[in-house]
Amino acid sequence: MNMHYTTELKKKLCTDICLNGASTIKSAQEYNIPLKTLEKWITAFSKDNHCFDPKFENVNDFKLINSPIDSSYDDLSNDELKKELMKKDIEIARLKKGYLVKEGGMENKVFVTFSKKNTE
């Protein structure tokens, strides 16, 4: 019998068990969750404590680098629009290759890979 548990419940239980020292067995009994299921959640949470954080549902929720939240393109000239479009194209190409650019200031850009393909 497949049960669906909310990510909020999973995160709450894993936080209580891993960080606050709550009992795994008592938590499983209290919430009527199979112990093996709870142990799988705890294993995933131990590897990455953000695994149960909310995911981005659409592109509008994700803020790209150098992209103002309330960007209005009506005020920009053609040259400024071309420059902005070029920045977006570069960002898309980097994301396709598996790179993420974190800025450490205007001169210090750090390229970080987020796939194993780029580390070989």
PDB file of N, CA and C in Angstrom:
ATOM      1  N   MET A   1       0.847  -1.178   0.000  1.00  0.00           N
ATOM      2  CA  MET A   1       0.000   0.000   0.000  1.00  0.00           C
ATOM      3  C   MET A   1       0.895   1.244   0.000  1.00  0.00           C
ATOM      4  N   ASN A   2       0.822   2.010  -1.068  1.00  0.00           N
ATOM      5  CA  ASN A   2       1.632   3.221  -1.182  1.00  0.00           C
ATOM      6  C   ASN A   2       0.933   4.392  -0.514  1.00  0.00           C
ATOM      7  N   MET A   3       1.625   4.995   0.412  1.00  0.00           N
ATOM      8  CA  MET A   3       1.108   6.183   1.077  1.00  0.00           C
ATOM      9  C   MET A   3       1.919   7.369   0.582  1.00  0.00           C
ATOM     10  N   HIS A   4       1.264   8.511   0.482  1.00  0.00           N
ATOM     11  CA  HIS A   4       1.970   9.721   0.097  1.00  0.00           C
ATOM     12  C   HIS A   4       2.085  10.617   1.319  1.00  0.00           C
ATOM     13  N   TYR A   5       3.305  10.968   1.655  1.00  0.00           N
ATOM     14  CA  TYR A   5       3.566  11.842   2.794  1.00  0.00           C
ATOM     15  C   TYR A   5       4.080  13.176   2.277  1.00  0.00           C
ATOM     16  N   THR A   6       3.669  14.253   2.902  1.00  0.00           N
ATOM     17  CA  THR A   6       4.094  15.581   2.456  1.00  0.00           C
ATOM     18  C   THR A   6       5.572  15.793   2.769  1.00  0.00           C
ATOM     19  N   THR A   7       6.196  16.635   1.975  1.00  0.00           N
ATOM     20  CA  THR A   7       7.607  16.941   2.216  1.00  0.00           C
ATOM     21  C   THR A   7       7.787  17.700   3.526  1.00  0.00           C
ATOM     22  N   GLU A   8       6.762  18.456   3.937  1.00  0.00           N
ATOM     23  CA  GLU A   8       6.848  19.162   5.219  1.00  0.00           C
ATOM     24  C   GLU A   8       6.938  18.176   6.372  1.00  0.00           C
ATOM     25  N   LEU A   9       6.129  17.096   6.301  1.00  0.00           N
ATOM     26  CA  LEU A   9       6.166  16.069   7.341  1.00  0.00           C
ATOM     27  C   LEU A   9       7.514  15.351   7.341  1.00  0.00           C
ATOM     28  N   LYS A  10       8.008  15.021   6.158  1.00  0.00           N
ATOM     29  CA  LYS A  10       9.294  14.339   6.054  1.00  0.00           C
ATOM     30  C   LYS A  10      10.408  15.191   6.652  1.00  0.00           C
ATOM     31  N   LYS A  11      10.416  16.479   6.299  1.00  0.00           N
ATOM     32  CA  LYS A  11      11.454  17.374   6.812  1.00  0.00           C
ATOM     33  C   LYS A  11      11.338  17.538   8.322  1.00  0.00           C
ATOM     34  N   LYS A  12      10.109  17.673   8.825  1.00  0.00           N
ATOM     35  CA  LYS A  12       9.893  17.846  10.266  1.00  0.00           C
ATOM     36  C   LYS A  12      10.397  16.625  11.036  1.00  0.00           C
ATOM     37  N   LEU A  13      10.017  15.435  10.583  1.00  0.00           N
ATOM     38  CA  LEU A  13      10.437  14.215  11.271  1.00  0.00           C
ATOM     39  C   LEU A  13      11.955  14.031  11.209  1.00  0.00           C
ATOM     40  N   CYS A  14      12.545  14.247  10.055  1.00  0.00           N
ATOM     41  CA  CYS A  14      13.995  14.088   9.922  1.00  0.00           C
ATOM     42  C   CYS A  14      14.744  15.110  10.765  1.00  0.00           C
ATOM     43  N   THR A  15      14.247  16.328  10.811  1.00  0.00           N
ATOM     44  CA  THR A  15      14.877  17.358  11.647  1.00  0.00           C
ATOM     45  C   THR A  15      14.786  16.977  13.111  1.00  0.00           C
ATOM     46  N   ASP A  16      13.609  16.524  13.527  1.00  0.00           N
ATOM     47  CA  ASP A  16      13.437  16.114  14.925  1.00  0.00           C
ATOM     48  C   ASP A  16      14.365  14.964  15.299  1.00  0.00           C
ATOM     49  N   ILE A  17      14.490  13.993  14.401  1.00  0.00           N
ATOM     50  CA  ILE A  17      15.297  12.810  14.704  1.00  0.00           C
ATOM     51  C   ILE A  17      16.794  13.109  14.591  1.00  0.00           C
ATOM     52  N   CYS A  18      17.197  13.717  13.484  1.00  0.00           N
ATOM     53  CA  CYS A  18      18.633  13.923  13.234  1.00  0.00           C
ATOM     54  C   CYS A  18      19.224  15.065  14.064  1.00  0.00           C
ATOM     55  N   LEU A  19      18.496  16.148  14.191  1.00  0.00           N
ATOM     56  CA  LEU A  19      19.054  17.322  14.850  1.00  0.00           C
ATOM     57  C   LEU A  19      18.626  17.472  16.306  1.00  0.00           C
ATOM     58  N   ASN A  20      17.436  16.999  16.636  1.00  0.00           N
ATOM     59  CA  ASN A  20      16.932  17.180  17.999  1.00  0.00           C
ATOM     60  C   ASN A  20      16.977  15.913  18.836  1.00  0.00           C
ATOM     61  N   GLY A  21      17.380  14.793  18.242  1.00  0.00           N
ATOM     62  CA  GLY A  21      17.567  13.562  18.998  1.00  0.00           C
ATOM     63  C   GLY A  21      16.297  12.807  19.333  1.00  0.00           C
ATOM     64  N   ALA A  22      15.227  12.986  18.581  1.00  0.00           N
ATOM     65  CA  ALA A  22      13.986  12.248  18.835  1.00  0.00           C
ATOM     66  C   ALA A  22      14.175  10.781  18.460  1.00  0.00           C
ATOM     67  N   SER A  23      13.371   9.934  19.029  1.00  0.00           N
ATOM     68  CA  SER A  23      13.450   8.500  18.781  1.00  0.00           C
ATOM     69  C   SER A  23      12.846   8.147  17.424  1.00  0.00           C
ATOM     70  N   THR A  24      13.570   7.343  16.661  1.00  0.00           N
ATOM     71  CA  THR A  24      13.091   6.929  15.346  1.00  0.00           C
ATOM     72  C   THR A  24      11.882   6.009  15.483  1.00  0.00           C
ATOM     73  N   ILE A  25      11.968   5.059  16.355  1.00  0.00           N
ATOM     74  CA  ILE A  25      10.883   4.084  16.524  1.00  0.00           C
ATOM     75  C   ILE A  25       9.621   4.756  17.047  1.00  0.00           C
ATOM     76  N   LYS A  26       9.759   5.622  18.047  1.00  0.00           N
ATOM     77  CA  LYS A  26       8.590   6.311  18.598  1.00  0.00           C
ATOM     78  C   LYS A  26       7.957   7.249  17.571  1.00  0.00           C
ATOM     79  N   SER A  27       8.781   7.913  16.788  1.00  0.00           N
ATOM     80  CA  SER A  27       8.257   8.809  15.750  1.00  0.00           C
ATOM     81  C   SER A  27       7.489   8.014  14.693  1.00  0.00           C
ATOM     82  N   ALA A  28       8.029   6.871  14.298  1.00  0.00           N
ATOM     83  CA  ALA A  28       7.364   6.026  13.298  1.00  0.00           C
ATOM     84  C   ALA A  28       6.022   5.527  13.834  1.00  0.00           C
ATOM     85  N   GLN A  29       5.990   5.133  15.089  1.00  0.00           N
ATOM     86  CA  GLN A  29       4.737   4.659  15.687  1.00  0.00           C
ATOM     87  C   GLN A  29       3.725   5.794  15.847  1.00  0.00           C
ATOM     88  N   GLU A  30       4.198   6.948  16.270  1.00  0.00           N
ATOM     89  CA  GLU A  30       3.313   8.086  16.510  1.00  0.00           C
ATOM     90  C   GLU A  30       2.617   8.552  15.233  1.00  0.00           C
ATOM     91  N   TYR A  31       3.361   8.583  14.124  1.00  0.00           N
ATOM     92  CA  TYR A  31       2.801   9.057  12.858  1.00  0.00           C
ATOM     93  C   TYR A  31       2.324   7.919  11.959  1.00  0.00           C
ATOM     94  N   ASN A  32       2.380   6.688  12.461  1.00  0.00           N
ATOM     95  CA  ASN A  32       1.932   5.500  11.728  1.00  0.00           C
ATOM     96  C   ASN A  32       2.638   5.390  10.370  1.00  0.00           C
ATOM     97  N   ILE A  33       3.959   5.495  10.424  1.00  0.00           N
ATOM     98  CA  ILE A  33       4.807   5.397   9.237  1.00  0.00           C
ATOM     99  C   ILE A  33       5.671   4.145   9.390  1.00  0.00           C
ATOM    100  N   PRO A  34       5.805   3.332   8.348  1.00  0.00           N
ATOM    101  CA  PRO A  34       6.696   2.174   8.449  1.00  0.00           C
ATOM    102  C   PRO A  34       8.120   2.609   8.792  1.00  0.00           C
ATOM    103  N   LEU A  35       8.741   1.862   9.683  1.00  0.00           N
ATOM    104  CA  LEU A  35      10.075   2.204  10.167  1.00  0.00           C
ATOM    105  C   LEU A  35      11.082   2.260   9.022  1.00  0.00           C
ATOM    106  N   LYS A  36      10.991   1.337   8.091  1.00  0.00           N
ATOM    107  CA  LYS A  36      11.922   1.301   6.961  1.00  0.00           C
ATOM    108  C   LYS A  36      11.782   2.557   6.098  1.00  0.00           C
ATOM    109  N   THR A  37      10.555   3.037   5.935  1.00  0.00           N
ATOM    110  CA  THR A  37      10.320   4.258   5.165  1.00  0.00           C
ATOM    111  C   THR A  37      10.968   5.450   5.849  1.00  0.00           C
ATOM    112  N   LEU A  38      10.771   5.552   7.144  1.00  0.00           N
ATOM    113  CA  LEU A  38      11.359   6.645   7.917  1.00  0.00           C
ATOM    114  C   LEU A  38      12.886   6.580   7.873  1.00  0.00           C
ATOM    115  N   GLU A  39      13.428   5.393   7.918  1.00  0.00           N
ATOM    116  CA  GLU A  39      14.887   5.236   7.845  1.00  0.00           C
ATOM    117  C   GLU A  39      15.429   5.683   6.482  1.00  0.00           C
ATOM    118  N   LYS A  40      14.674   5.434   5.420  1.00  0.00           N
ATOM    119  CA  LYS A  40      15.090   5.908   4.087  1.00  0.00           C
ATOM    120  C   LYS A  40      15.106   7.426   4.042  1.00  0.00           C
ATOM    121  N   TRP A  41      14.088   8.060   4.652  1.00  0.00           N
ATOM    122  CA  TRP A  41      14.049   9.528   4.702  1.00  0.00           C
ATOM    123  C   TRP A  41      15.235  10.067   5.472  1.00  0.00           C
ATOM    124  N   ILE A  42      15.547   9.417   6.595  1.00  0.00           N
ATOM    125  CA  ILE A  42      16.659   9.864   7.439  1.00  0.00           C
ATOM    126  C   ILE A  42      17.984   9.735   6.691  1.00  0.00           C
ATOM    127  N   THR A  43      18.145   8.645   5.939  1.00  0.00           N
ATOM    128  CA  THR A  43      19.362   8.457   5.142  1.00  0.00           C
ATOM    129  C   THR A  43      19.500   9.566   4.107  1.00  0.00           C
ATOM    130  N   ALA A  44      18.408   9.872   3.410  1.00  0.00           N
ATOM    131  CA  ALA A  44      18.440  10.947   2.411  1.00  0.00           C
ATOM    132  C   ALA A  44      18.720  12.287   3.074  1.00  0.00           C
ATOM    133  N   PHE A  45      18.117  12.534   4.228  1.00  0.00           N
ATOM    134  CA  PHE A  45      18.304  13.788   4.946  1.00  0.00           C
ATOM    135  C   PHE A  45      19.742  13.913   5.464  1.00  0.00           C
ATOM    136  N   SER A  46      20.325  12.802   5.873  1.00  0.00           N
ATOM    137  CA  SER A  46      21.706  12.817   6.359  1.00  0.00           C
ATOM    138  C   SER A  46      22.686  13.162   5.243  1.00  0.00           C
ATOM    139  N   LYS A  47      22.398  12.691   4.034  1.00  0.00           N
ATOM    140  CA  LYS A  47      23.266  12.999   2.896  1.00  0.00           C
ATOM    141  C   LYS A  47      23.102  14.442   2.443  1.00  0.00           C
ATOM    142  N   ASP A  48      21.859  14.937   2.457  1.00  0.00           N
ATOM    143  CA  ASP A  48      21.567  16.308   2.018  1.00  0.00           C
ATOM    144  C   ASP A  48      20.379  16.821   2.810  1.00  0.00           C
ATOM    145  N   ASN A  49      20.651  17.711   3.769  1.00  0.00           N
ATOM    146  CA  ASN A  49      19.563  18.169   4.628  1.00  0.00           C
ATOM    147  C   ASN A  49      18.617  19.153   3.937  1.00  0.00           C
ATOM    148  N   HIS A  50      18.831  19.404   2.645  1.00  0.00           N
ATOM    149  CA  HIS A  50      17.909  20.244   1.874  1.00  0.00           C
ATOM    150  C   HIS A  50      17.071  19.409   0.907  1.00  0.00           C
ATOM    151  N   CYS A  51      17.124  18.081   1.037  1.00  0.00           N
ATOM    152  CA  CYS A  51      16.430  17.228   0.076  1.00  0.00           C
ATOM    153  C   CYS A  51      14.907  17.356   0.165  1.00  0.00           C
ATOM    154  N   PHE A  52      14.389  17.806   1.284  1.00  0.00           N
ATOM    155  CA  PHE A  52      12.945  17.962   1.423  1.00  0.00           C
ATOM    156  C   PHE A  52      12.511  19.424   1.355  1.00  0.00           C
ATOM    157  N   ASP A  53      13.410  20.299   0.921  1.00  0.00           N
ATOM    158  CA  ASP A  53      13.040  21.707   0.743  1.00  0.00           C
ATOM    159  C   ASP A  53      12.121  21.817  -0.467  1.00  0.00           C
ATOM    160  N   PRO A  54      11.298  22.861  -0.508  1.00  0.00           N
ATOM    161  CA  PRO A  54      10.397  23.009  -1.666  1.00  0.00           C
ATOM    162  C   PRO A  54      11.186  23.199  -2.951  1.00  0.00           C
ATOM    163  N   LYS A  55      10.708  22.586  -4.001  1.00  0.00           N
ATOM    164  CA  LYS A  55      11.340  22.690  -5.316  1.00  0.00           C
ATOM    165  C   LYS A  55      10.717  23.859  -6.069  1.00  0.00           C
ATOM    166  N   PHE A  56      11.458  24.405  -7.048  1.00  0.00           N
ATOM    167  CA  PHE A  56      10.934  25.469  -7.891  1.00  0.00           C
ATOM    168  C   PHE A  56       9.925  24.867  -8.852  1.00  0.00           C
ATOM    169  N   GLU A  57       8.741  25.421  -8.877  1.00  0.00           N
ATOM    170  CA  GLU A  57       7.681  24.893  -9.734  1.00  0.00           C
ATOM    171  C   GLU A  57       7.781  25.412 -11.169  1.00  0.00           C
ATOM    172  N   ASN A  58       8.184  26.659 -11.336  1.00  0.00           N
ATOM    173  CA  ASN A  58       8.304  27.182 -12.687  1.00  0.00           C
ATOM    174  C   ASN A  58       9.504  28.109 -12.771  1.00  0.00           C
ATOM    175  N   VAL A  59       9.823  28.510 -13.962  1.00  0.00           N
ATOM    176  CA  VAL A  59      11.019  29.308 -14.214  1.00  0.00           C
ATOM    177  C   VAL A  59      10.935  30.666 -13.518  1.00  0.00           C
ATOM    178  N   ASN A  60       9.753  31.212 -13.357  1.00  0.00           N
ATOM    179  CA  ASN A  60       9.606  32.531 -12.753  1.00  0.00           C
ATOM    180  C   ASN A  60      10.016  32.558 -11.279  1.00  0.00           C
ATOM    181  N   ASP A  61      10.047  31.386 -10.619  1.00  0.00           N
ATOM    182  CA  ASP A  61      10.462  31.324  -9.222  1.00  0.00           C
ATOM    183  C   ASP A  61      11.980  31.383  -9.069  1.00  0.00           C
ATOM    184  N   PHE A  62      12.732  31.153 -10.148  1.00  0.00           N
ATOM    185  CA  PHE A  62      14.180  31.060 -10.091  1.00  0.00           C
ATOM    186  C   PHE A  62      14.791  32.368 -10.550  1.00  0.00           C
ATOM    187  N   LYS A  63      15.655  32.953  -9.725  1.00  0.00           N
ATOM    188  CA  LYS A  63      16.289  34.226 -10.054  1.00  0.00           C
ATOM    189  C   LYS A  63      17.668  33.937 -10.640  1.00  0.00           C
ATOM    190  N   LEU A  64      17.881  34.316 -11.880  1.00  0.00           N
ATOM    191  CA  LEU A  64      19.178  34.128 -12.512  1.00  0.00           C
ATOM    192  C   LEU A  64      20.154  35.190 -12.039  1.00  0.00           C
ATOM    193  N   ILE A  65      21.447  34.923 -12.210  1.00  0.00           N
ATOM    194  CA  ILE A  65      22.483  35.867 -11.826  1.00  0.00           C
ATOM    195  C   ILE A  65      22.367  37.124 -12.679  1.00  0.00           C
ATOM    196  N   ASN A  66      22.587  38.277 -12.069  1.00  0.00           N
ATOM    197  CA  ASN A  66      22.518  39.581 -12.740  1.00  0.00           C
ATOM    198  C   ASN A  66      21.142  39.866 -13.326  1.00  0.00           C
ATOM    199  N   SER A  67      20.106  39.272 -12.781  1.00  0.00           N
ATOM    200  CA  SER A  67      18.768  39.499 -13.286  1.00  0.00           C
ATOM    201  C   SER A  67      17.939  40.155 -12.194  1.00  0.00           C
ATOM    202  N   PRO A  68      17.614  41.435 -12.359  1.00  0.00           N
ATOM    203  CA  PRO A  68      16.799  42.078 -11.337  1.00  0.00           C
ATOM    204  C   PRO A  68      15.419  41.448 -11.276  1.00  0.00           C
ATOM    205  N   ILE A  69      14.849  41.402 -10.089  1.00  0.00           N
ATOM    206  CA  ILE A  69      13.551  40.750  -9.900  1.00  0.00           C
ATOM    207  C   ILE A  69      12.461  41.479 -10.677  1.00  0.00           C
ATOM    208  N   ASP A  70      12.444  42.802 -10.593  1.00  0.00           N
ATOM    209  CA  ASP A  70      11.422  43.591 -11.277  1.00  0.00           C
ATOM    210  C   ASP A  70      12.020  44.225 -12.527  1.00  0.00           C
ATOM    211  N   SER A  71      12.496  43.406 -13.459  1.00  0.00           N
ATOM    212  CA  SER A  71      13.150  43.960 -14.639  1.00  0.00           C
ATOM    213  C   SER A  71      12.102  44.429 -15.637  1.00  0.00           C
ATOM    214  N   SER A  72      12.249  45.655 -16.051  1.00  0.00           N
ATOM    215  CA  SER A  72      11.390  46.226 -17.067  1.00  0.00           C
ATOM    216  C   SER A  72      12.265  46.533 -18.277  1.00  0.00           C
ATOM    217  N   TYR A  73      11.964  45.888 -19.375  1.00  0.00           N
ATOM    218  CA  TYR A  73      12.777  46.054 -20.569  1.00  0.00           C
ATOM    219  C   TYR A  73      12.300  47.224 -21.431  1.00  0.00           C
ATOM    220  N   ASP A  74      11.206  47.848 -21.041  1.00  0.00           N
ATOM    221  CA  ASP A  74      10.666  48.952 -21.828  1.00  0.00           C
ATOM    222  C   ASP A  74      11.603  50.158 -21.851  1.00  0.00           C
ATOM    223  N   ASP A  75      12.368  50.345 -20.781  1.00  0.00           N
ATOM    224  CA  ASP A  75      13.213  51.524 -20.658  1.00  0.00           C
ATOM    225  C   ASP A  75      14.572  51.372 -21.342  1.00  0.00           C
ATOM    226  N   LEU A  76      14.912  50.175 -21.791  1.00  0.00           N
ATOM    227  CA  LEU A  76      16.248  49.913 -22.319  1.00  0.00           C
ATOM    228  C   LEU A  76      16.351  50.249 -23.804  1.00  0.00           C
ATOM    229  N   SER A  77      17.546  50.661 -24.198  1.00  0.00           N
ATOM    230  CA  SER A  77      17.811  50.925 -25.610  1.00  0.00           C
ATOM    231  C   SER A  77      18.089  49.600 -26.322  1.00  0.00           C
ATOM    232  N   ASN A  78      18.222  49.649 -27.638  1.00  0.00           N
ATOM    233  CA  ASN A  78      18.507  48.433 -28.409  1.00  0.00           C
ATOM    234  C   ASN A  78      19.823  47.797 -27.994  1.00  0.00           C
ATOM    235  N   ASP A  79      20.859  48.610 -27.781  1.00  0.00           N
ATOM    236  CA  ASP A  79      22.160  48.079 -27.379  1.00  0.00           C
ATOM    237  C   ASP A  79      22.075  47.416 -26.000  1.00  0.00           C
ATOM    238  N   GLU A  80      21.347  48.036 -25.091  1.00  0.00           N
ATOM    239  CA  GLU A  80      21.195  47.455 -23.749  1.00  0.00           C
ATOM    240  C   GLU A  80      20.389  46.165 -23.809  1.00  0.00           C
ATOM    241  N   LEU A  81      19.376  46.116 -24.669  1.00  0.00           N
ATOM    242  CA  LEU A  81      18.602  44.890 -24.843  1.00  0.00           C
ATOM    243  C   LEU A  81      19.451  43.769 -25.427  1.00  0.00           C
ATOM    244  N   LYS A  82      20.309  44.104 -26.406  1.00  0.00           N
ATOM    245  CA  LYS A  82      21.205  43.103 -26.990  1.00  0.00           C
ATOM    246  C   LYS A  82      22.178  42.569 -25.948  1.00  0.00           C
ATOM    247  N   LYS A  83      22.695  43.459 -25.107  1.00  0.00           N
ATOM    248  CA  LYS A  83      23.622  43.043 -24.059  1.00  0.00           C
ATOM    249  C   LYS A  83      22.923  42.127 -23.056  1.00  0.00           C
ATOM    250  N   GLU A  84      21.705  42.464 -22.680  1.00  0.00           N
ATOM    251  CA  GLU A  84      20.935  41.640 -21.741  1.00  0.00           C
ATOM    252  C   GLU A  84      20.624  40.271 -22.343  1.00  0.00           C
ATOM    253  N   LEU A  85      20.265  40.251 -23.626  1.00  0.00           N
ATOM    254  CA  LEU A  85      19.998  38.997 -24.321  1.00  0.00           C
ATOM    255  C   LEU A  85      21.249  38.131 -24.404  1.00  0.00           C
ATOM    256  N   MET A  86      22.402  38.749 -24.645  1.00  0.00           N
ATOM    257  CA  MET A  86      23.659  38.025 -24.699  1.00  0.00           C
ATOM    258  C   MET A  86      23.977  37.391 -23.334  1.00  0.00           C
ATOM    259  N   LYS A  87      23.734  38.124 -22.245  1.00  0.00           N
ATOM    260  CA  LYS A  87      23.955  37.582 -20.900  1.00  0.00           C
ATOM    261  C   LYS A  87      23.074  36.358 -20.669  1.00  0.00           C
ATOM    262  N   LYS A  88      21.833  36.442 -21.096  1.00  0.00           N
ATOM    263  CA  LYS A  88      20.902  35.316 -20.919  1.00  0.00           C
ATOM    264  C   LYS A  88      21.354  34.117 -21.746  1.00  0.00           C
ATOM    265  N   ASP A  89      21.814  34.354 -22.982  1.00  0.00           N
ATOM    266  CA  ASP A  89      22.296  33.255 -23.822  1.00  0.00           C
ATOM    267  C   ASP A  89      23.509  32.570 -23.198  1.00  0.00           C
ATOM    268  N   ILE A  90      24.413  33.356 -22.643  1.00  0.00           N
ATOM    269  CA  ILE A  90      25.594  32.795 -21.977  1.00  0.00           C
ATOM    270  C   ILE A  90      25.176  31.968 -20.768  1.00  0.00           C
ATOM    271  N   GLU A  91      24.246  32.479 -19.985  1.00  0.00           N
ATOM    272  CA  GLU A  91      23.760  31.763 -18.809  1.00  0.00           C
ATOM    273  C   GLU A  91      23.118  30.435 -19.210  1.00  0.00           C
ATOM    274  N   ILE A  92      22.330  30.432 -20.279  1.00  0.00           N
ATOM    275  CA  ILE A  92      21.695  29.206 -20.758  1.00  0.00           C
ATOM    276  C   ILE A  92      22.747  28.207 -21.226  1.00  0.00           C
ATOM    277  N   ALA A  93      23.757  28.669 -21.948  1.00  0.00           N
ATOM    278  CA  ALA A  93      24.819  27.777 -22.424  1.00  0.00           C
ATOM    279  C   ALA A  93      25.571  27.158 -21.246  1.00  0.00           C
ATOM    280  N   ARG A  94      25.846  27.952 -20.212  1.00  0.00           N
ATOM    281  CA  ARG A  94      26.530  27.420 -19.029  1.00  0.00           C
ATOM    282  C   ARG A  94      25.675  26.380 -18.323  1.00  0.00           C
ATOM    283  N   LEU A  95      24.384  26.642 -18.216  1.00  0.00           N
ATOM    284  CA  LEU A  95      23.501  25.683 -17.554  1.00  0.00           C
ATOM    285  C   LEU A  95      23.389  24.386 -18.347  1.00  0.00           C
ATOM    286  N   LYS A  96      23.375  24.482 -19.676  1.00  0.00           N
ATOM    287  CA  LYS A  96      23.330  23.277 -20.502  1.00  0.00           C
ATOM    288  C   LYS A  96      24.583  22.443 -20.330  1.00  0.00           C
ATOM    289  N   LYS A  97      25.732  23.097 -20.133  1.00  0.00           N
ATOM    290  CA  LYS A  97      26.997  22.383 -19.948  1.00  0.00           C
ATOM    291  C   LYS A  97      27.153  21.869 -18.525  1.00  0.00           C
ATOM    292  N   GLY A  98      26.299  22.312 -17.627  1.00  0.00           N
ATOM    293  CA  GLY A  98      26.371  21.845 -16.249  1.00  0.00           C
ATOM    294  C   GLY A  98      27.170  22.741 -15.344  1.00  0.00           C
ATOM    295  N   TYR A  99      27.350  23.994 -15.714  1.00  0.00           N
ATOM    296  CA  TYR A  99      28.075  24.933 -14.876  1.00  0.00           C
ATOM    297  C   TYR A  99      27.109  25.907 -14.231  1.00  0.00           C
ATOM    298  N   LEU A 100      27.441  26.307 -13.017  1.00  0.00           N
ATOM    299  CA  LEU A 100      26.690  27.329 -12.316  1.00  0.00           C
ATOM    300  C   LEU A 100      27.691  28.389 -11.908  1.00  0.00           C
ATOM    301  N   VAL A 101      27.395  29.644 -12.157  1.00  0.00           N
ATOM    302  CA  VAL A 101      28.325  30.721 -11.844  1.00  0.00           C
ATOM    303  C   VAL A 101      27.890  31.382 -10.555  1.00  0.00           C
ATOM    304  N   LYS A 102      28.781  31.351  -9.574  1.00  0.00           N
ATOM    305  CA  LYS A 102      28.541  32.056  -8.324  1.00  0.00           C
ATOM    306  C   LYS A 102      29.429  33.272  -8.320  1.00  0.00           C
ATOM    307  N   GLU A 103      28.878  34.410  -7.999  1.00  0.00           N
ATOM    308  CA  GLU A 103      29.673  35.628  -8.018  1.00  0.00           C
ATOM    309  C   GLU A 103      30.257  35.892  -6.651  1.00  0.00           C
ATOM    310  N   GLY A 104      31.533  36.198  -6.617  1.00  0.00           N
ATOM    311  CA  GLY A 104      32.217  36.592  -5.402  1.00  0.00           C
ATOM    312  C   GLY A 104      32.704  38.014  -5.543  1.00  0.00           C
ATOM    313  N   GLY A 105      31.944  38.845  -6.181  1.00  0.00           N
ATOM    314  CA  GLY A 105      32.361  40.204  -6.492  1.00  0.00           C
ATOM    315  C   GLY A 105      32.340  40.376  -7.993  1.00  0.00           C
ATOM    316  N   MET A 106      32.586  41.552  -8.456  1.00  0.00           N
ATOM    317  CA  MET A 106      32.508  41.804  -9.900  1.00  0.00           C
ATOM    318  C   MET A 106      33.631  41.105 -10.663  1.00  0.00           C
ATOM    319  N   GLU A 107      34.820  41.020 -10.084  1.00  0.00           N
ATOM    320  CA  GLU A 107      35.937  40.413 -10.797  1.00  0.00           C
ATOM    321  C   GLU A 107      36.069  38.923 -10.515  1.00  0.00           C
ATOM    322  N   ASN A 108      35.503  38.445  -9.423  1.00  0.00           N
ATOM    323  CA  ASN A 108      35.698  37.064  -9.000  1.00  0.00           C
ATOM    324  C   ASN A 108      34.468  36.231  -9.317  1.00  0.00           C
ATOM    325  N   LYS A 109      34.463  35.572 -10.457  1.00  0.00           N
ATOM    326  CA  LYS A 109      33.387  34.648 -10.794  1.00  0.00           C
ATOM    327  C   LYS A 109      33.931  33.244 -10.624  1.00  0.00           C
ATOM    328  N   VAL A 110      33.181  32.406  -9.966  1.00  0.00           N
ATOM    329  CA  VAL A 110      33.608  31.045  -9.689  1.00  0.00           C
ATOM    330  C   VAL A 110      32.687  30.105 -10.439  1.00  0.00           C
ATOM    331  N   PHE A 111      33.259  29.222 -11.251  1.00  0.00           N
ATOM    332  CA  PHE A 111      32.479  28.249 -11.980  1.00  0.00           C
ATOM    333  C   PHE A 111      32.404  26.978 -11.150  1.00  0.00           C
ATOM    334  N   VAL A 112      31.201  26.531 -10.872  1.00  0.00           N
ATOM    335  CA  VAL A 112      30.985  25.353 -10.055  1.00  0.00           C
ATOM    336  C   VAL A 112      30.222  24.339 -10.879  1.00  0.00           C
ATOM    337  N   THR A 113      30.725  23.099 -10.937  1.00  0.00           N
ATOM    338  CA  THR A 113      30.005  22.069 -11.672  1.00  0.00           C
ATOM    339  C   THR A 113      28.984  21.432 -10.745  1.00  0.00           C
ATOM    340  N   PHE A 114      27.860  21.029 -11.311  1.00  0.00           N
ATOM    341  CA  PHE A 114      26.877  20.310 -10.515  1.00  0.00           C
ATOM    342  C   PHE A 114      26.469  19.021 -11.188  1.00  0.00           C
ATOM    343  N   SER A 115      27.358  18.454 -11.978  1.00  0.00           N
ATOM    344  CA  SER A 115      27.145  17.128 -12.504  1.00  0.00           C
ATOM    345  C   SER A 115      28.481  16.407 -12.546  1.00  0.00           C
ATOM    346  N   LYS A 116      28.451  15.095 -12.408  1.00  0.00           N
ATOM    347  CA  LYS A 116      29.688  14.306 -12.398  1.00  0.00           C
ATOM    348  C   LYS A 116      30.362  14.315 -13.760  1.00  0.00           C
ATOM    349  N   LYS A 117      29.604  14.568 -14.810  1.00  0.00           N
ATOM    350  CA  LYS A 117      30.125  14.561 -16.176  1.00  0.00           C
ATOM    351  C   LYS A 117      31.259  15.574 -16.320  1.00  0.00           C
ATOM    352  N   ASN A 118      31.177  16.714 -15.624  1.00  0.00           N
ATOM    353  CA  ASN A 118      32.165  17.765 -15.773  1.00  0.00           C
ATOM    354  C   ASN A 118      33.395  17.575 -14.895  1.00  0.00           C
ATOM    355  N   THR A 119      33.381  16.616 -13.992  1.00  0.00           N
ATOM    356  CA  THR A 119      34.532  16.439 -13.097  1.00  0.00           C
ATOM    357  C   THR A 119      35.506  15.416 -13.637  1.00  0.00           C
ATOM    358  N   GLU A 120      35.187  14.756 -14.727  1.00  0.00           N
ATOM    359  CA  GLU A 120      36.074  13.735 -15.278  1.00  0.00           C
ATOM    360  C   GLU A 120      37.025  14.320 -16.280  1.00  0.00           C
TER     361      GLU A 120
END
